[in-house]
Structures are given as C-alpha cells and as structure tokens.
Amino acid sequence: MVFPILYSDRFLDHQTGGMHPERSSRLTATVNALKATPWADQLEWRSPSPVTAERTMAAISRVHTPEYCDLIAGIAEGGGGMLDGDTLLSTASYDVARLAVSACLDGIDLVADRNSPAFALVRPPGHHTEPARGMGFCLLSSVAIAAQYALDSGQAQRVAILDWDVHHGNGTQAAIDGNPAIVFCSLHQFPHYPGTGRADDRGSIGNSLNIPMPMGATIEAYRTQFETKVRPFFTEFQPDLLIVSAGYDANRDDMLAGIELLPEDFGELTRFCLELTPKVLFVLEGGYNLPSLSESVVATIEACLKH
C-alpha cells in the first residue's frame, strides 16, 4: 500500500513567530518523523494543486462570505496583523491558507478515486473558523470546505466529519449546520476554549453530535464514547466519506489542554475510523507539543498502512 500525504513547504510561510504555539516547526518536526519511519518508502508525498478561481476559490465561497475573505486578504496584503487576540496573519498567510484548502480538495479526490485514506499535512488549522469569522489560530474552514466540495463534485452523497481535536470545532459545526448531507461529531475537553460544544447542542436539524470530555480523560473514556455514541451516530447516517479534523492537542504532553491521550492512542482512533469506511481524509488541526504531535501523526498513518 502507498499512502498519500498532501504537503508543501509553502505551509511553513504562514509566519506566526517563534513563541506562538501554532508555528511552522509543527510541520517540520512531523515531516522529519515520517521520513525516519521504517515504512517511509510507502509514503507518497504530493504537492497541492495550485490555487485557482474555478476550483479553490469556488469551494471557499461555498462556506465563507466574500466580506470575510476580503478581510483576511486585506490584512495579509497590508503586511500582516492580528485577526483576534491569538490569531495572526503574515503577508503569505492568506495564500498559504488557500493552498491548504487546495490540498484538502486534492485529498478528497484521492480518497474517492482510490477508495483508501490520505492525510493532508497542512497549516494553518481551520476548525474554529466560522463562515464570517476566524479565530483560534484558524483562517479558513478547510474541513467544512472539503466536505461541501465532496458533495458538489458528486464524489459523495453523505459526508461525516469527526473532530478529535481537544477543542470544539465550532467553525466546522457552524459551516455545516442545516445541511442534511453532512453530519459532524466532536469530542473535546469541556469546559475549555472556545466554550462551545455542549452535549445538548445538536445543531438546528440534529446533524451534530457533541461529546464533552472531562479534564484528565484517557483512551478508556474515549473508547467508551466511540462505542456507545460515535459509532451509532455514524452508522445510522451511513457516510460514504469521512473527514477527520485530526488535532493532536488531546495528548497528555500538550500544553494547551488537559486530556491524557498518548500518541499510540490515535492509532486506535484511526482504526475505528477505517472500520466505518475506507474513504477517510485526515486533516491536521491542532497539536503543539512537537514530539507528541509527530509521534501521533506517525501512529495515525501507521494504523492506515496496517489496516
């Protein structure tokens, strides 16, 4: 099996400063770890397609308002600046965020064509970006955009999104709300940033499942939730494509949260995903402890190769 990874060194050009948690070294550490694995020769490194108006921008426009896109484009073109208290842009950030979207669209094409998983190793992350507002290190809602693209392109009729990032994917939920062809499930530490994702929040038509996790939760707690809530939710929906907001900040060593997962636990979560459908696109979201992040991505891809 050859496993495709959508990646570009251009993703390093979204400059946030050396002290910001969401920094370019997240990707360099992960790339180095993957290239050092015994199965590195099974990895297919693929550059994202160029950003185009007909494909990339058309897909972005299905989720984000023109005013929001103009806002972040203007900040970047003006030399960069703060979008909110912890979300900043450099001059290249809007271009890089659009290239990350393009990588995710390519990932949808690959997964649908090959009937097997792929990983979009991208930044900036996206799951906190609502249709008209960016926040939480995120600029464009790549996973929601990719889900809508899968439907619009006829490559899927029912798309499921699983968000295992430690923070609730408020932006993704807002973007897919009211769309009966997409369901969204998020397991996240609660109470925690951004303060959304209560268990009783099912969205306007019930197509969201939020599973708050207490501080200190381990893989045993996640395993229980997957078996009793996540699996039935997705099985009833019968998705023909699954997109995973693969954040790795639920690791025990991550500095931004208090969940107690270990890198190898993400291999177990990955195997669960592959039991639902072979068509799985993993998209990097959070994860800020470099060793834990890189080891967790390795565990995810290794589980795919062994499945």
C-alpha atoms as a PDB file:
ATOM      1  CA  MET A   1       0.000   0.000   0.000  1.00  0.00           C
ATOM      2  CA  VAL A   2       1.180   3.514  -0.842  1.00  0.00           C
ATOM      3  CA  PHE A   3      -0.121   6.213   1.470  1.00  0.00           C
ATOM      4  CA  PRO A   4      -0.570   9.754   0.068  1.00  0.00           C
ATOM      5  CA  ILE A   5       0.378  12.819   2.103  1.00  0.00           C
ATOM      6  CA  LEU A   6      -0.637  16.246   0.812  1.00  0.00           C
ATOM      7  CA  TYR A   7       2.114  18.614   1.839  1.00  0.00           C
ATOM      8  CA  SER A   8       4.050  21.691   0.697  1.00  0.00           C
ATOM      9  CA  ASP A   9       6.932  23.657   2.187  1.00  0.00           C
ATOM     10  CA  ARG A  10       4.782  26.688   1.401  1.00  0.00           C
ATOM     11  CA  PHE A  11       2.811  25.823   4.535  1.00  0.00           C
ATOM     12  CA  LEU A  12       5.846  26.987   6.516  1.00  0.00           C
ATOM     13  CA  ASP A  13       5.418  30.516   5.123  1.00  0.00           C
ATOM     14  CA  HIS A  14       2.465  31.260   7.405  1.00  0.00           C
ATOM     15  CA  GLN A  15       4.658  33.017   9.941  1.00  0.00           C
ATOM     16  CA  THR A  16       3.359  33.367  13.488  1.00  0.00           C
ATOM     17  CA  GLY A  17       6.583  33.990  15.374  1.00  0.00           C
ATOM     18  CA  GLY A  18       8.763  31.534  17.239  1.00  0.00           C
ATOM     19  CA  MET A  19       6.804  31.748  20.504  1.00  0.00           C
ATOM     20  CA  HIS A  20       3.337  31.148  19.029  1.00  0.00           C
ATOM     21  CA  PRO A  21       2.035  27.601  19.634  1.00  0.00           C
ATOM     22  CA  GLU A  22       0.877  27.260  16.016  1.00  0.00           C
ATOM     23  CA  ARG A  23       4.318  27.587  14.426  1.00  0.00           C
ATOM     24  CA  SER A  24       5.984  26.200  11.321  1.00  0.00           C
ATOM     25  CA  SER A  25       8.146  23.764  13.322  1.00  0.00           C
ATOM     26  CA  ARG A  26       4.999  21.710  13.896  1.00  0.00           C
ATOM     27  CA  LEU A  27       5.214  20.591  10.286  1.00  0.00           C
ATOM     28  CA  THR A  28       8.979  20.263  10.012  1.00  0.00           C
ATOM     29  CA  ALA A  29       9.049  18.023  13.094  1.00  0.00           C
ATOM     30  CA  THR A  30       6.249  15.869  11.700  1.00  0.00           C
ATOM     31  CA  VAL A  31       7.792  15.576   8.233  1.00  0.00           C
ATOM     32  CA  ASN A  32      11.132  14.574   9.752  1.00  0.00           C
ATOM     33  CA  ALA A  33       9.470  11.947  11.939  1.00  0.00           C
ATOM     34  CA  LEU A  34       7.598  10.440   8.992  1.00  0.00           C
ATOM     35  CA  LYS A  35      10.710  10.296   6.836  1.00  0.00           C
ATOM     36  CA  ALA A  36      12.523   8.464   9.644  1.00  0.00           C
ATOM     37  CA  THR A  37       9.975   5.614   9.905  1.00  0.00           C
ATOM     38  CA  PRO A  38      10.778   2.094   8.679  1.00  0.00           C
ATOM     39  CA  TRP A  39       7.937   2.426   6.182  1.00  0.00           C
ATOM     40  CA  ALA A  40       8.944   5.814   4.779  1.00  0.00           C
ATOM     41  CA  ASP A  41       9.235   4.291   1.308  1.00  0.00           C
ATOM     42  CA  GLN A  42       5.479   3.653   1.378  1.00  0.00           C
ATOM     43  CA  LEU A  43       4.689   7.360   1.682  1.00  0.00           C
ATOM     44  CA  GLU A  44       3.648   9.247  -1.426  1.00  0.00           C
ATOM     45  CA  TRP A  45       4.399  12.932  -0.915  1.00  0.00           C
ATOM     46  CA  ARG A  46       2.105  15.004  -3.130  1.00  0.00           C
ATOM     47  CA  SER A  47       2.193  18.766  -3.648  1.00  0.00           C
ATOM     48  CA  PRO A  48      -1.198  20.506  -3.568  1.00  0.00           C
ATOM     49  CA  SER A  49      -2.747  21.692  -6.791  1.00  0.00           C
ATOM     50  CA  PRO A  50      -2.274  25.417  -7.465  1.00  0.00           C
ATOM     51  CA  VAL A  51      -4.961  27.717  -6.108  1.00  0.00           C
ATOM     52  CA  THR A  52      -7.448  28.623  -8.840  1.00  0.00           C
ATOM     53  CA  ALA A  53     -10.582  30.722  -9.026  1.00  0.00           C
ATOM     54  CA  GLU A  54     -12.570  27.939 -10.671  1.00  0.00           C
ATOM     55  CA  ARG A  55     -11.806  25.275  -8.084  1.00  0.00           C
ATOM     56  CA  THR A  56     -10.267  26.559  -4.849  1.00  0.00           C
ATOM     57  CA  MET A  57     -11.990  29.913  -4.612  1.00  0.00           C
ATOM     58  CA  ALA A  58     -15.305  28.459  -5.766  1.00  0.00           C
ATOM     59  CA  ALA A  59     -15.080  25.883  -2.968  1.00  0.00           C
ATOM     60  CA  ILE A  60     -14.140  28.522  -0.378  1.00  0.00           C
ATOM     61  CA  SER A  61     -17.094  30.670  -1.463  1.00  0.00           C
ATOM     62  CA  ARG A  62     -19.478  27.811  -0.646  1.00  0.00           C
ATOM     63  CA  VAL A  63     -18.566  28.202   3.041  1.00  0.00           C
ATOM     64  CA  HIS A  64     -17.126  31.681   3.679  1.00  0.00           C
ATOM     65  CA  THR A  65     -18.614  35.095   2.999  1.00  0.00           C
ATOM     66  CA  PRO A  66     -16.886  37.393   0.489  1.00  0.00           C
ATOM     67  CA  GLU A  67     -16.530  40.006   3.218  1.00  0.00           C
ATOM     68  CA  TYR A  68     -14.571  37.646   5.438  1.00  0.00           C
ATOM     69  CA  CYS A  69     -12.249  36.587   2.627  1.00  0.00           C
ATOM     70  CA  ASP A  70     -11.677  40.249   1.765  1.00  0.00           C
ATOM     71  CA  LEU A  71     -10.869  40.947   5.415  1.00  0.00           C
ATOM     72  CA  ILE A  72      -8.128  38.346   5.770  1.00  0.00           C
ATOM     73  CA  ALA A  73      -6.786  39.101   2.294  1.00  0.00           C
ATOM     74  CA  GLY A  74      -6.535  42.770   3.245  1.00  0.00           C
ATOM     75  CA  ILE A  75      -4.695  42.044   6.494  1.00  0.00           C
ATOM     76  CA  ALA A  76      -2.157  39.898   4.649  1.00  0.00           C
ATOM     77  CA  GLU A  77      -1.703  42.375   1.834  1.00  0.00           C
ATOM     78  CA  GLY A  78      -1.213  45.149   4.367  1.00  0.00           C
ATOM     79  CA  GLY A  79       1.813  43.401   5.837  1.00  0.00           C
ATOM     80  CA  GLY A  80       0.048  41.092   8.265  1.00  0.00           C
ATOM     81  CA  GLY A  81      -1.581  41.635  11.628  1.00  0.00           C
ATOM     82  CA  MET A  82      -3.942  40.263  14.235  1.00  0.00           C
ATOM     83  CA  LEU A  83      -7.309  38.795  13.329  1.00  0.00           C
ATOM     84  CA  ASP A  84      -8.131  38.341  17.006  1.00  0.00           C
ATOM     85  CA  GLY A  85      -6.160  38.074  20.236  1.00  0.00           C
ATOM     86  CA  ASP A  86      -4.400  34.837  19.278  1.00  0.00           C
ATOM     87  CA  THR A  87      -4.870  34.578  15.507  1.00  0.00           C
ATOM     88  CA  LEU A  88      -2.426  36.422  13.306  1.00  0.00           C
ATOM     89  CA  LEU A  89      -1.527  36.667   9.657  1.00  0.00           C
ATOM     90  CA  SER A  90       1.772  37.299   7.900  1.00  0.00           C
ATOM     91  CA  THR A  91       1.978  38.545   4.333  1.00  0.00           C
ATOM     92  CA  ALA A  92       1.802  34.992   2.957  1.00  0.00           C
ATOM     93  CA  SER A  93      -0.891  33.688   5.305  1.00  0.00           C
ATOM     94  CA  TYR A  94      -3.945  34.085   3.072  1.00  0.00           C
ATOM     95  CA  ASP A  95      -2.160  32.415   0.161  1.00  0.00           C
ATOM     96  CA  VAL A  96      -0.987  29.599   2.424  1.00  0.00           C
ATOM     97  CA  ALA A  97      -4.474  29.091   3.874  1.00  0.00           C
ATOM     98  CA  ARG A  98      -5.911  28.826   0.369  1.00  0.00           C
ATOM     99  CA  LEU A  99      -3.208  26.327  -0.582  1.00  0.00           C
ATOM    100  CA  ALA A 100      -4.169  24.287   2.494  1.00  0.00           C
ATOM    101  CA  VAL A 101      -7.739  24.242   1.191  1.00  0.00           C
ATOM    102  CA  SER A 102      -6.473  23.086  -2.202  1.00  0.00           C
ATOM    103  CA  ALA A 103      -4.568  20.263  -0.503  1.00  0.00           C
ATOM    104  CA  CYS A 104      -7.774  19.149   1.201  1.00  0.00           C
ATOM    105  CA  LEU A 105      -9.684  19.201  -2.085  1.00  0.00           C
ATOM    106  CA  ASP A 106      -6.931  17.072  -3.628  1.00  0.00           C
ATOM    107  CA  GLY A 107      -7.295  14.753  -0.659  1.00  0.00           C
ATOM    108  CA  ILE A 108     -10.997  14.328  -1.355  1.00  0.00           C
ATOM    109  CA  ASP A 109     -10.229  13.478  -4.983  1.00  0.00           C
ATOM    110  CA  LEU A 110      -7.607  10.903  -3.949  1.00  0.00           C
ATOM    111  CA  VAL A 111      -9.721   9.232  -1.285  1.00  0.00           C
ATOM    112  CA  ALA A 112     -12.720   8.996  -3.588  1.00  0.00           C
ATOM    113  CA  ASP A 113     -10.686   7.708  -6.528  1.00  0.00           C
ATOM    114  CA  ARG A 114      -8.580   5.169  -4.634  1.00  0.00           C
ATOM    115  CA  ASN A 115     -11.121   4.085  -2.020  1.00  0.00           C
ATOM    116  CA  SER A 116      -8.396   4.417   0.621  1.00  0.00           C
ATOM    117  CA  PRO A 117      -7.236   7.013   3.178  1.00  0.00           C
ATOM    118  CA  ALA A 118      -4.984  10.053   2.785  1.00  0.00           C
ATOM    119  CA  PHE A 119      -3.533  12.717   5.079  1.00  0.00           C
ATOM    120  CA  ALA A 120      -3.496  16.483   4.439  1.00  0.00           C
ATOM    121  CA  LEU A 121      -0.499  17.710   6.431  1.00  0.00           C
ATOM    122  CA  VAL A 122      -1.434  21.377   6.347  1.00  0.00           C
ATOM    123  CA  ARG A 123      -1.445  24.612   8.285  1.00  0.00           C
ATOM    124  CA  PRO A 124      -2.926  26.960   9.342  1.00  0.00           C
ATOM    125  CA  PRO A 125      -5.647  24.881  11.002  1.00  0.00           C
ATOM    126  CA  GLY A 126      -9.272  25.631  10.243  1.00  0.00           C
ATOM    127  CA  HIS A 127     -11.902  24.109  12.509  1.00  0.00           C
ATOM    128  CA  HIS A 128     -12.538  27.254  14.582  1.00  0.00           C
ATOM    129  CA  THR A 129     -13.235  29.419  11.502  1.00  0.00           C
ATOM    130  CA  GLU A 130     -16.917  30.223  11.145  1.00  0.00           C
ATOM    131  CA  PRO A 131     -18.332  31.386   7.789  1.00  0.00           C
ATOM    132  CA  ALA A 132     -17.759  35.063   8.624  1.00  0.00           C
ATOM    133  CA  ARG A 133     -15.213  34.955  11.467  1.00  0.00           C
ATOM    134  CA  GLY A 134     -11.749  33.500  12.008  1.00  0.00           C
ATOM    135  CA  MET A 135     -10.438  32.692  15.470  1.00  0.00           C
ATOM    136  CA  GLY A 136      -8.361  30.215  17.462  1.00  0.00           C
ATOM    137  CA  PHE A 137      -5.306  30.174  15.139  1.00  0.00           C
ATOM    138  CA  CYS A 138      -7.630  29.330  12.199  1.00  0.00           C
ATOM    139  CA  LEU A 139      -8.142  31.226   8.926  1.00  0.00           C
ATOM    140  CA  LEU A 140     -10.206  29.084   6.516  1.00  0.00           C
ATOM    141  CA  SER A 141     -12.509  26.220   7.445  1.00  0.00           C
ATOM    142  CA  SER A 142     -10.695  23.619   5.336  1.00  0.00           C
ATOM    143  CA  VAL A 143     -12.587  20.540   6.546  1.00  0.00           C
ATOM    144  CA  ALA A 144     -16.029  22.079   6.049  1.00  0.00           C
ATOM    145  CA  ILE A 145     -14.954  23.352   2.629  1.00  0.00           C
ATOM    146  CA  ALA A 146     -13.703  19.878   1.687  1.00  0.00           C
ATOM    147  CA  ALA A 147     -16.956  18.260   2.837  1.00  0.00           C
ATOM    148  CA  GLN A 148     -19.046  20.601   0.712  1.00  0.00           C
ATOM    149  CA  TYR A 149     -16.682  20.078  -2.233  1.00  0.00           C
ATOM    150  CA  ALA A 150     -17.129  16.313  -1.970  1.00  0.00           C
ATOM    151  CA  LEU A 151     -20.887  16.794  -2.297  1.00  0.00           C
ATOM    152  CA  ASP A 152     -20.722  19.421  -5.034  1.00  0.00           C
ATOM    153  CA  SER A 153     -18.327  17.330  -7.125  1.00  0.00           C
ATOM    154  CA  GLY A 154     -20.535  14.256  -6.850  1.00  0.00           C
ATOM    155  CA  GLN A 155     -17.830  12.226  -5.122  1.00  0.00           C
ATOM    156  CA  ALA A 156     -20.001  11.645  -2.065  1.00  0.00           C
ATOM    157  CA  GLN A 157     -23.664  11.812  -1.167  1.00  0.00           C
ATOM    158  CA  ARG A 158     -23.239  11.669   2.617  1.00  0.00           C
ATOM    159  CA  VAL A 159     -20.184  13.079   4.362  1.00  0.00           C
ATOM    160  CA  ALA A 160     -19.316  12.545   8.023  1.00  0.00           C
ATOM    161  CA  ILE A 161     -16.864  14.753   9.912  1.00  0.00           C
ATOM    162  CA  LEU A 162     -15.134  13.545  13.073  1.00  0.00           C
ATOM    163  CA  ASP A 163     -13.256  16.157  15.097  1.00  0.00           C
ATOM    164  CA  TRP A 164     -10.956  14.645  17.719  1.00  0.00           C
ATOM    165  CA  ASP A 165      -9.041  17.881  18.357  1.00  0.00           C
ATOM    166  CA  VAL A 166      -9.123  18.762  22.052  1.00  0.00           C
ATOM    167  CA  HIS A 167     -11.034  21.976  21.263  1.00  0.00           C
ATOM    168  CA  HIS A 168     -14.584  22.017  19.950  1.00  0.00           C
ATOM    169  CA  GLY A 169     -14.798  22.588  16.198  1.00  0.00           C
ATOM    170  CA  ASN A 170     -17.219  25.468  16.447  1.00  0.00           C
ATOM    171  CA  GLY A 171     -16.399  26.748  12.976  1.00  0.00           C
ATOM    172  CA  THR A 172     -16.996  23.408  11.301  1.00  0.00           C
ATOM    173  CA  GLN A 173     -20.280  22.946  13.115  1.00  0.00           C
ATOM    174  CA  ALA A 174     -21.444  26.427  12.115  1.00  0.00           C
ATOM    175  CA  ALA A 175     -20.480  25.815   8.488  1.00  0.00           C
ATOM    176  CA  ILE A 176     -22.339  22.516   8.116  1.00  0.00           C
ATOM    177  CA  ASP A 177     -25.367  23.416  10.246  1.00  0.00           C
ATOM    178  CA  GLY A 178     -28.621  22.755   8.448  1.00  0.00           C
ATOM    179  CA  ASN A 179     -27.073  20.531   5.757  1.00  0.00           C
ATOM    180  CA  PRO A 180     -28.678  17.081   5.941  1.00  0.00           C
ATOM    181  CA  ALA A 181     -25.950  15.574   3.707  1.00  0.00           C
ATOM    182  CA  ILE A 182     -23.252  16.234   6.343  1.00  0.00           C
ATOM    183  CA  VAL A 183     -23.010  15.125   9.958  1.00  0.00           C
ATOM    184  CA  PHE A 184     -20.487  16.398  12.476  1.00  0.00           C
ATOM    185  CA  CYS A 185     -19.188  14.785  15.665  1.00  0.00           C
ATOM    186  CA  SER A 186     -16.735  16.450  18.041  1.00  0.00           C
ATOM    187  CA  LEU A 187     -15.080  15.006  21.146  1.00  0.00           C
ATOM    188  CA  HIS A 188     -13.445  17.833  23.091  1.00  0.00           C
ATOM    189  CA  GLN A 189     -12.394  18.930  26.544  1.00  0.00           C
ATOM    190  CA  PHE A 190     -15.198  20.855  28.237  1.00  0.00           C
ATOM    191  CA  PRO A 191     -15.316  23.405  29.698  1.00  0.00           C
ATOM    192  CA  HIS A 192     -12.480  24.734  27.579  1.00  0.00           C
ATOM    193  CA  TYR A 193     -11.797  27.068  24.653  1.00  0.00           C
ATOM    194  CA  PRO A 194     -13.854  28.171  22.735  1.00  0.00           C
ATOM    195  CA  GLY A 195     -16.648  27.492  25.230  1.00  0.00           C
ATOM    196  CA  THR A 196     -18.992  25.845  22.731  1.00  0.00           C
ATOM    197  CA  GLY A 197     -19.893  22.217  22.167  1.00  0.00           C
ATOM    198  CA  ARG A 198     -22.280  21.360  24.973  1.00  0.00           C
ATOM    199  CA  ALA A 199     -23.819  17.902  24.842  1.00  0.00           C
ATOM    200  CA  ASP A 200     -27.281  19.335  24.230  1.00  0.00           C
ATOM    201  CA  ASP A 201     -26.136  21.301  21.170  1.00  0.00           C
ATOM    202  CA  ARG A 202     -27.223  19.140  18.236  1.00  0.00           C
ATOM    203  CA  GLY A 203     -27.438  21.939  15.674  1.00  0.00           C
ATOM    204  CA  SER A 204     -30.579  23.242  14.007  1.00  0.00           C
ATOM    205  CA  ILE A 205     -31.515  19.906  12.385  1.00  0.00           C
ATOM    206  CA  GLY A 206     -29.777  17.443  14.709  1.00  0.00           C
ATOM    207  CA  ASN A 207     -26.823  16.720  12.421  1.00  0.00           C
ATOM    208  CA  SER A 208     -24.214  17.496  15.087  1.00  0.00           C
ATOM    209  CA  LEU A 209     -23.130  15.300  17.990  1.00  0.00           C
ATOM    210  CA  ASN A 210     -21.053  16.998  20.663  1.00  0.00           C
ATOM    211  CA  ILE A 211     -19.325  14.850  23.262  1.00  0.00           C
ATOM    212  CA  PRO A 212     -17.735  16.889  26.068  1.00  0.00           C
ATOM    213  CA  MET A 213     -14.770  15.135  27.704  1.00  0.00           C
ATOM    214  CA  PRO A 214     -13.617  15.929  31.247  1.00  0.00           C
ATOM    215  CA  MET A 215     -10.092  17.041  32.053  1.00  0.00           C
ATOM    216  CA  GLY A 216      -7.923  14.004  32.642  1.00  0.00           C
ATOM    217  CA  ALA A 217      -9.860  11.734  30.272  1.00  0.00           C
ATOM    218  CA  THR A 218      -7.842   8.787  28.928  1.00  0.00           C
ATOM    219  CA  ILE A 219      -8.253   6.434  25.982  1.00  0.00           C
ATOM    220  CA  GLU A 220     -10.617   4.303  28.065  1.00  0.00           C
ATOM    221  CA  ALA A 221     -13.091   7.185  28.238  1.00  0.00           C
ATOM    222  CA  TYR A 222     -12.706   7.867  24.526  1.00  0.00           C
ATOM    223  CA  ARG A 223     -13.173   4.178  23.725  1.00  0.00           C
ATOM    224  CA  THR A 224     -16.451   4.157  25.643  1.00  0.00           C
ATOM    225  CA  GLN A 225     -17.731   7.245  23.847  1.00  0.00           C
ATOM    226  CA  PHE A 226     -16.749   5.880  20.440  1.00  0.00           C
ATOM    227  CA  GLU A 227     -18.573   2.612  21.025  1.00  0.00           C
ATOM    228  CA  THR A 228     -21.704   3.972  22.693  1.00  0.00           C
ATOM    229  CA  LYS A 229     -22.214   7.282  20.857  1.00  0.00           C
ATOM    230  CA  VAL A 230     -19.915   7.907  17.885  1.00  0.00           C
ATOM    231  CA  ARG A 231     -20.328   4.553  16.151  1.00  0.00           C
ATOM    232  CA  PRO A 232     -24.159   4.504  16.388  1.00  0.00           C
ATOM    233  CA  PHE A 233     -24.345   8.133  15.196  1.00  0.00           C
ATOM    234  CA  PHE A 234     -22.237   7.480  12.115  1.00  0.00           C
ATOM    235  CA  THR A 235     -23.665   4.017  11.426  1.00  0.00           C
ATOM    236  CA  GLU A 236     -27.194   5.398  11.295  1.00  0.00           C
ATOM    237  CA  PHE A 237     -26.061   8.097   8.851  1.00  0.00           C
ATOM    238  CA  GLN A 238     -24.115   5.617   6.651  1.00  0.00           C
ATOM    239  CA  PRO A 239     -21.489   8.027   5.289  1.00  0.00           C
ATOM    240  CA  ASP A 240     -19.676   7.219   2.074  1.00  0.00           C
ATOM    241  CA  LEU A 241     -16.825   9.555   3.048  1.00  0.00           C
ATOM    242  CA  LEU A 242     -15.288  10.506   6.410  1.00  0.00           C
ATOM    243  CA  ILE A 243     -13.165  13.582   7.054  1.00  0.00           C
ATOM    244  CA  VAL A 244     -11.243  13.724  10.321  1.00  0.00           C
ATOM    245  CA  SER A 245     -10.234  17.006  11.902  1.00  0.00           C
ATOM    246  CA  ALA A 246      -7.080  15.390  13.207  1.00  0.00           C
ATOM    247  CA  GLY A 247      -5.928  17.589  16.034  1.00  0.00           C
ATOM    248  CA  TYR A 248      -3.355  16.111  18.389  1.00  0.00           C
ATOM    249  CA  ASP A 249      -3.615  18.532  21.309  1.00  0.00           C
ATOM    250  CA  ALA A 250      -5.518  15.940  23.353  1.00  0.00           C
ATOM    251  CA  ASN A 251      -2.099  14.413  24.038  1.00  0.00           C
ATOM    252  CA  ARG A 252      -1.007  14.228  27.663  1.00  0.00           C
ATOM    253  CA  ASP A 253       2.079  16.355  26.993  1.00  0.00           C
ATOM    254  CA  ASP A 254       0.284  19.136  25.106  1.00  0.00           C
ATOM    255  CA  MET A 255       0.473  22.492  26.865  1.00  0.00           C
ATOM    256  CA  LEU A 256      -2.900  23.878  25.779  1.00  0.00           C
ATOM    257  CA  ALA A 257      -5.268  21.360  27.344  1.00  0.00           C
ATOM    258  CA  GLY A 258      -5.703  18.643  29.951  1.00  0.00           C
ATOM    259  CA  ILE A 259      -6.694  15.417  28.204  1.00  0.00           C
ATOM    260  CA  GLU A 260      -4.462  12.385  28.825  1.00  0.00           C
ATOM    261  CA  LEU A 261      -4.214  10.597  25.473  1.00  0.00           C
ATOM    262  CA  LEU A 262      -0.912   9.086  24.328  1.00  0.00           C
ATOM    263  CA  PRO A 263       0.384   9.160  20.737  1.00  0.00           C
ATOM    264  CA  GLU A 264      -0.353   5.453  20.221  1.00  0.00           C
ATOM    265  CA  ASP A 265      -3.981   6.037  21.219  1.00  0.00           C
ATOM    266  CA  PHE A 266      -4.521   7.873  17.947  1.00  0.00           C
ATOM    267  CA  GLY A 267      -3.726   4.639  16.165  1.00  0.00           C
ATOM    268  CA  GLU A 268      -6.737   3.095  17.893  1.00  0.00           C
ATOM    269  CA  LEU A 269      -8.951   6.053  16.955  1.00  0.00           C
ATOM    270  CA  THR A 270      -7.713   5.735  13.367  1.00  0.00           C
ATOM    271  CA  ARG A 271      -8.635   2.055  13.223  1.00  0.00           C
ATOM    272  CA  PHE A 272     -12.125   2.971  14.401  1.00  0.00           C
ATOM    273  CA  CYS A 273     -12.427   5.418  11.503  1.00  0.00           C
ATOM    274  CA  LEU A 274     -11.300   2.843   8.956  1.00  0.00           C
ATOM    275  CA  GLU A 275     -13.918   0.403  10.235  1.00  0.00           C
ATOM    276  CA  LEU A 276     -16.586   2.924   9.216  1.00  0.00           C
ATOM    277  CA  THR A 277     -15.312   3.431   5.676  1.00  0.00           C
ATOM    278  CA  PRO A 278     -12.001   3.093   3.815  1.00  0.00           C
ATOM    279  CA  LYS A 279     -12.590   6.561   2.407  1.00  0.00           C
ATOM    280  CA  VAL A 280     -11.044   8.703   5.151  1.00  0.00           C
ATOM    281  CA  LEU A 281      -9.272  12.030   4.743  1.00  0.00           C
ATOM    282  CA  PHE A 282      -7.274  13.100   7.791  1.00  0.00           C
ATOM    283  CA  VAL A 283      -6.630  16.855   8.003  1.00  0.00           C
ATOM    284  CA  LEU A 284      -4.184  18.252  10.549  1.00  0.00           C
ATOM    285  CA  GLU A 285      -5.680  20.680  13.053  1.00  0.00           C
ATOM    286  CA  GLY A 286      -4.033  21.333  16.456  1.00  0.00           C
ATOM    287  CA  GLY A 287      -1.211  19.690  18.378  1.00  0.00           C
ATOM    288  CA  TYR A 288       1.540  21.838  19.848  1.00  0.00           C
ATOM    289  CA  ASN A 289       3.974  19.567  21.682  1.00  0.00           C
ATOM    290  CA  LEU A 290       6.316  18.656  18.826  1.00  0.00           C
ATOM    291  CA  PRO A 291       7.283  15.119  19.917  1.00  0.00           C
ATOM    292  CA  SER A 292       3.689  14.165  20.770  1.00  0.00           C
ATOM    293  CA  LEU A 293       2.360  15.722  17.583  1.00  0.00           C
ATOM    294  CA  SER A 294       4.820  13.985  15.291  1.00  0.00           C
ATOM    295  CA  GLU A 295       4.510  10.631  17.094  1.00  0.00           C
ATOM    296  CA  SER A 296       0.711  10.848  16.871  1.00  0.00           C
ATOM    297  CA  VAL A 297       0.722  11.538  13.135  1.00  0.00           C
ATOM    298  CA  VAL A 298       3.095   8.596  12.730  1.00  0.00           C
ATOM    299  CA  ALA A 299       0.678   6.410  14.739  1.00  0.00           C
ATOM    300  CA  THR A 300      -2.241   7.547  12.585  1.00  0.00           C
ATOM    301  CA  ILE A 301      -0.550   6.778   9.284  1.00  0.00           C
ATOM    302  CA  GLU A 302       0.958   3.519  10.538  1.00  0.00           C
ATOM    303  CA  ALA A 303      -2.528   2.341  11.505  1.00  0.00           C
ATOM    304  CA  CYS A 304      -3.700   3.124   7.963  1.00  0.00           C
ATOM    305  CA  LEU A 305      -0.815   1.187   6.423  1.00  0.00           C
ATOM    306  CA  LYS A 306      -1.510  -1.849   8.601  1.00  0.00           C
ATOM    307  CA  HIS A 307      -5.294  -1.866   8.192  1.00  0.00           C
END
